[in-house]
Amino acid sequence: MPRQISYRWRLRELMATRGMFTVGELMPHLAERGITLSSSQVHRLVSGTPERLSLPVLAALCDILDCTPADLIATSAQACAPDA
């Protein structure tokens, strides 16, 4: 049976639980881990849901937020009705 996969990007939520509320607060932490992104790139990462994400960025975010990828990306799957 076909399944529909979805995910929810929780970066902003996890940042807030750790007292980080702005892109400017996240950028130095990324830079400390060798991740150089423009403020607009980080803004899109924080405010949107990325379609693609490099593993070094994901690893840096997990280190910064002391979390796992599963904490950042909440996934779900549900069965779809078969096509007639």
C-alpha atoms as a PDB file:
ATOM      1  CA  MET A   1       0.000   0.000   0.000  1.00  0.00           C
ATOM      2  CA  PRO A   2       1.385   3.473  -0.860  1.00  0.00           C
ATOM      3  CA  ARG A   3       2.460   5.670   2.024  1.00  0.00           C
ATOM      4  CA  GLN A   4       2.603   9.442   2.296  1.00  0.00           C
ATOM      5  CA  ILE A   5       5.705  10.686   4.091  1.00  0.00           C
ATOM      6  CA  SER A   6       5.864  14.105   5.755  1.00  0.00           C
ATOM      7  CA  TYR A   7       8.195  15.913   8.101  1.00  0.00           C
ATOM      8  CA  ARG A   8       8.246  18.946  10.348  1.00  0.00           C
ATOM      9  CA  TRP A   9      11.397  21.053  10.720  1.00  0.00           C
ATOM     10  CA  ARG A  10      11.753  22.026  14.387  1.00  0.00           C
ATOM     11  CA  LEU A  11      14.863  24.253  14.332  1.00  0.00           C
ATOM     12  CA  ARG A  12      13.108  27.426  15.473  1.00  0.00           C
ATOM     13  CA  GLU A  13      11.323  25.552  18.260  1.00  0.00           C
ATOM     14  CA  LEU A  14      14.528  23.930  19.545  1.00  0.00           C
ATOM     15  CA  MET A  15      16.402  27.236  19.347  1.00  0.00           C
ATOM     16  CA  ALA A  16      13.725  28.899  21.478  1.00  0.00           C
ATOM     17  CA  THR A  17      13.898  26.207  24.152  1.00  0.00           C
ATOM     18  CA  ARG A  18      17.608  26.990  24.427  1.00  0.00           C
ATOM     19  CA  GLY A  19      17.155  30.754  24.622  1.00  0.00           C
ATOM     20  CA  MET A  20      18.095  31.562  21.017  1.00  0.00           C
ATOM     21  CA  PHE A  21      15.549  33.694  19.218  1.00  0.00           C
ATOM     22  CA  THR A  22      17.405  35.303  16.315  1.00  0.00           C
ATOM     23  CA  VAL A  23      19.508  34.317  13.322  1.00  0.00           C
ATOM     24  CA  GLY A  24      22.275  36.490  14.734  1.00  0.00           C
ATOM     25  CA  GLU A  25      22.451  34.320  17.838  1.00  0.00           C
ATOM     26  CA  LEU A  26      22.829  31.135  15.782  1.00  0.00           C
ATOM     27  CA  MET A  27      25.422  32.340  13.253  1.00  0.00           C
ATOM     28  CA  PRO A  28      28.448  32.538  15.611  1.00  0.00           C
ATOM     29  CA  HIS A  29      27.751  29.006  16.842  1.00  0.00           C
ATOM     30  CA  LEU A  30      27.731  27.753  13.259  1.00  0.00           C
ATOM     31  CA  ALA A  31      30.948  29.637  12.487  1.00  0.00           C
ATOM     32  CA  GLU A  32      32.648  28.068  15.526  1.00  0.00           C
ATOM     33  CA  ARG A  33      31.948  24.706  13.914  1.00  0.00           C
ATOM     34  CA  GLY A  34      33.280  25.710  10.506  1.00  0.00           C
ATOM     35  CA  ILE A  35      29.892  26.370   8.900  1.00  0.00           C
ATOM     36  CA  THR A  36      29.948  29.602   6.909  1.00  0.00           C
ATOM     37  CA  LEU A  37      26.503  30.663   5.747  1.00  0.00           C
ATOM     38  CA  SER A  38      25.186  34.119   4.915  1.00  0.00           C
ATOM     39  CA  SER A  39      22.617  35.668   7.214  1.00  0.00           C
ATOM     40  CA  SER A  40      19.955  35.141   4.526  1.00  0.00           C
ATOM     41  CA  GLN A  41      20.853  31.442   4.265  1.00  0.00           C
ATOM     42  CA  VAL A  42      20.608  31.023   8.035  1.00  0.00           C
ATOM     43  CA  HIS A  43      17.354  32.995   8.048  1.00  0.00           C
ATOM     44  CA  ARG A  44      15.859  30.604   5.474  1.00  0.00           C
ATOM     45  CA  LEU A  45      17.122  27.650   7.521  1.00  0.00           C
ATOM     46  CA  VAL A  46      15.472  29.003  10.679  1.00  0.00           C
ATOM     47  CA  SER A  47      12.236  30.384   9.236  1.00  0.00           C
ATOM     48  CA  GLY A  48      11.497  27.819   6.547  1.00  0.00           C
ATOM     49  CA  THR A  49      11.548  24.090   6.022  1.00  0.00           C
ATOM     50  CA  PRO A  50      14.598  23.013   4.031  1.00  0.00           C
ATOM     51  CA  GLU A  51      14.161  20.619   1.120  1.00  0.00           C
ATOM     52  CA  ARG A  52      17.888  19.821   1.235  1.00  0.00           C
ATOM     53  CA  LEU A  53      20.333  20.038   4.104  1.00  0.00           C
ATOM     54  CA  SER A  54      24.010  19.145   4.147  1.00  0.00           C
ATOM     55  CA  LEU A  55      25.154  16.648   6.740  1.00  0.00           C
ATOM     56  CA  PRO A  56      27.845  19.018   8.118  1.00  0.00           C
ATOM     57  CA  VAL A  57      25.149  21.663   8.768  1.00  0.00           C
ATOM     58  CA  LEU A  58      22.863  19.073  10.345  1.00  0.00           C
ATOM     59  CA  ALA A  59      25.692  17.808  12.557  1.00  0.00           C
ATOM     60  CA  ALA A  60      26.577  21.367  13.599  1.00  0.00           C
ATOM     61  CA  LEU A  61      22.960  22.161  14.485  1.00  0.00           C
ATOM     62  CA  CYS A  62      22.733  18.975  16.544  1.00  0.00           C
ATOM     63  CA  ASP A  63      25.926  19.901  18.384  1.00  0.00           C
ATOM     64  CA  ILE A  64      24.805  23.494  18.985  1.00  0.00           C
ATOM     65  CA  LEU A  65      21.372  22.462  20.246  1.00  0.00           C
ATOM     66  CA  ASP A  66      22.543  19.285  21.998  1.00  0.00           C
ATOM     67  CA  CYS A  67      19.991  17.214  20.108  1.00  0.00           C
ATOM     68  CA  THR A  68      19.727  14.468  17.527  1.00  0.00           C
ATOM     69  CA  PRO A  69      18.553  14.686  13.906  1.00  0.00           C
ATOM     70  CA  ALA A  70      15.317  13.044  15.049  1.00  0.00           C
ATOM     71  CA  ASP A  71      14.761  15.984  17.425  1.00  0.00           C
ATOM     72  CA  LEU A  72      15.188  18.461  14.562  1.00  0.00           C
ATOM     73  CA  ILE A  73      13.163  16.564  11.983  1.00  0.00           C
ATOM     74  CA  ALA A  74       9.887  15.086  13.186  1.00  0.00           C
ATOM     75  CA  THR A  75       8.741  12.556  10.596  1.00  0.00           C
ATOM     76  CA  SER A  76       5.433  10.838  10.008  1.00  0.00           C
ATOM     77  CA  ALA A  77       4.026   8.381   7.499  1.00  0.00           C
ATOM     78  CA  GLN A  78       0.522   7.280   6.783  1.00  0.00           C
ATOM     79  CA  ALA A  79      -1.128   4.927   4.354  1.00  0.00           C
ATOM     80  CA  CYS A  80      -2.667   6.465   1.258  1.00  0.00           C
ATOM     81  CA  ALA A  81      -5.801   5.256  -0.442  1.00  0.00           C
ATOM     82  CA  PRO A  82      -4.881   3.237  -3.531  1.00  0.00           C
ATOM     83  CA  ASP A  83      -5.637   4.792  -6.899  1.00  0.00           C
ATOM     84  CA  ALA A  84      -8.772   3.436  -8.509  1.00  0.00           C
END
